[in-house]
C-alpha atoms as a PDB file:
ATOM      1  CA  MET A   1     104.857  98.622  84.555  1.00  0.00           C
ATOM      2  CA  ALA A   2     101.356  99.526  83.455  1.00  0.00           C
ATOM      3  CA  LEU A   3      98.445  97.962  85.297  1.00  0.00           C
ATOM      4  CA  GLN A   4      95.577  96.622  83.258  1.00  0.00           C
ATOM      5  CA  GLY A   5      92.135  98.166  83.660  1.00  0.00           C
ATOM      6  CA  VAL A   6      88.725  96.802  82.724  1.00  0.00           C
ATOM      7  CA  PRO A   7      86.402  99.099  80.718  1.00  0.00           C
ATOM      8  CA  LEU A   8      83.629 100.451  82.942  1.00  0.00           C
ATOM      9  CA  GLN A   9      80.359 101.167  81.155  1.00  0.00           C
ATOM     10  CA  GLY A  10      78.034 103.983  82.225  1.00  0.00           C
ATOM     11  CA  VAL A  11      80.678 106.124  83.908  1.00  0.00           C
ATOM     12  CA  GLY A  12      81.710 109.345  82.194  1.00  0.00           C
ATOM     13  CA  GLU A  13      82.559 109.213  78.498  1.00  0.00           C
ATOM     14  CA  LEU A  14      85.428 106.777  79.059  1.00  0.00           C
ATOM     15  CA  ALA A  15      86.204 104.857  82.239  1.00  0.00           C
ATOM     16  CA  ALA A  16      88.174 101.898  83.545  1.00  0.00           C
ATOM     17  CA  TRP A  17      88.152  99.825  86.734  1.00  0.00           C
ATOM     18  CA  GLN A  18      91.608  98.856  87.998  1.00  0.00           C
ATOM     19  CA  ARG A  19      91.093  95.750  90.136  1.00  0.00           C
ATOM     20  CA  ASP A  20      94.462  95.576  91.860  1.00  0.00           C
ATOM     21  CA  LEU A  21      94.249  99.147  93.168  1.00  0.00           C
ATOM     22  CA  HIS A  22      90.442  99.272  93.694  1.00  0.00           C
ATOM     23  CA  GLU A  23      90.432 102.362  91.478  1.00  0.00           C
ATOM     24  CA  VAL A  24      88.084 103.961  88.950  1.00  0.00           C
ATOM     25  CA  ILE A  25      89.539 106.326  86.379  1.00  0.00           C
ATOM     26  CA  ALA A  26      86.943 108.199  84.324  1.00  0.00           C
ATOM     27  CA  GLU A  27      86.781 111.247  82.112  1.00  0.00           C
ATOM     28  CA  ARG A  28      84.164 113.452  80.555  1.00  0.00           C
ATOM     29  CA  SER A  29      85.128 116.361  78.308  1.00  0.00           C
ATOM     30  CA  ASP A  30      88.287 117.765  79.925  1.00  0.00           C
ATOM     31  CA  ILE A  31      87.519 116.552  83.463  1.00  0.00           C
ATOM     32  CA  LEU A  32      89.214 113.558  85.069  1.00  0.00           C
ATOM     33  CA  CYS A  33      87.863 111.582  88.027  1.00  0.00           C
ATOM     34  CA  ASP A  34      90.325 109.199  89.671  1.00  0.00           C
ATOM     35  CA  ILE A  35      89.169 107.525  92.896  1.00  0.00           C
ATOM     36  CA  ALA A  36      91.033 104.739  94.676  1.00  0.00           C
ATOM     37  CA  VAL A  37      89.790 103.003  97.812  1.00  0.00           C
ATOM     38  CA  MET A  38      92.354 101.969 100.390  1.00  0.00           C
ATOM     39  CA  GLY A  39      91.909  99.331 103.066  1.00  0.00           C
ATOM     40  CA  THR A  40      91.715  95.632 103.732  1.00  0.00           C
ATOM     41  CA  GLU A  41      88.745  93.394 102.974  1.00  0.00           C
ATOM     42  CA  GLY A  42      87.543  93.767 106.562  1.00  0.00           C
ATOM     43  CA  ASP A  43      87.226  97.538 106.037  1.00  0.00           C
ATOM     44  CA  PHE A  44      84.596  97.159 103.306  1.00  0.00           C
ATOM     45  CA  VAL A  45      80.920  96.520 104.043  1.00  0.00           C
ATOM     46  CA  ASP A  46      80.579  94.388 100.906  1.00  0.00           C
ATOM     47  CA  THR A  47      83.780  92.938  99.501  1.00  0.00           C
ATOM     48  CA  SER A  48      82.169  92.014  96.181  1.00  0.00           C
ATOM     49  CA  GLU A  49      84.291  93.583  93.475  1.00  0.00           C
ATOM     50  CA  TYR A  50      81.239  94.525  91.434  1.00  0.00           C
ATOM     51  CA  VAL A  51      79.606  96.390  94.320  1.00  0.00           C
ATOM     52  CA  LEU A  52      82.776  98.377  95.011  1.00  0.00           C
ATOM     53  CA  GLU A  53      83.307  99.110  91.325  1.00  0.00           C
ATOM     54  CA  ASP A  54      79.678 100.278  90.980  1.00  0.00           C
ATOM     55  CA  ARG A  55      79.792 102.521  94.058  1.00  0.00           C
ATOM     56  CA  ILE A  56      83.017 104.221  93.021  1.00  0.00           C
ATOM     57  CA  GLY A  57      81.733 104.582  89.447  1.00  0.00           C
ATOM     58  CA  ASN A  58      78.550 106.239  90.733  1.00  0.00           C
ATOM     59  CA  LEU A  59      80.637 108.623  92.839  1.00  0.00           C
ATOM     60  CA  CYS A  60      82.686 109.574  89.766  1.00  0.00           C
ATOM     61  CA  ASN A  61      79.467 110.232  87.828  1.00  0.00           C
ATOM     62  CA  LYS A  62      78.257 112.570  90.607  1.00  0.00           C
ATOM     63  CA  ILE A  63      81.570 114.454  90.525  1.00  0.00           C
ATOM     64  CA  LEU A  64      81.540 114.722  86.740  1.00  0.00           C
ATOM     65  CA  ASP A  65      77.880 115.864  86.769  1.00  0.00           C
ATOM     66  CA  ALA A  66      78.669 118.599  89.308  1.00  0.00           C
ATOM     67  CA  ALA A  67      81.609 119.988  87.336  1.00  0.00           C
ATOM     68  CA  PRO A  68      81.007 123.131  85.287  1.00  0.00           C
END
């Protein structure tokens, strides 16, 4: 069963936010960034979905920028 992702603008060349898994999947050229955050709501400083999505997206951008 495929899980539905939401397009995520400003991350890599193509990216999606997967709400149910708290996961960003992004790619640029031939490089893939896939980051999922595990934990319960109490583990997160800010449980706002948009804050979490933005922070993980920014982390993916840093990884993609650092790649050769």
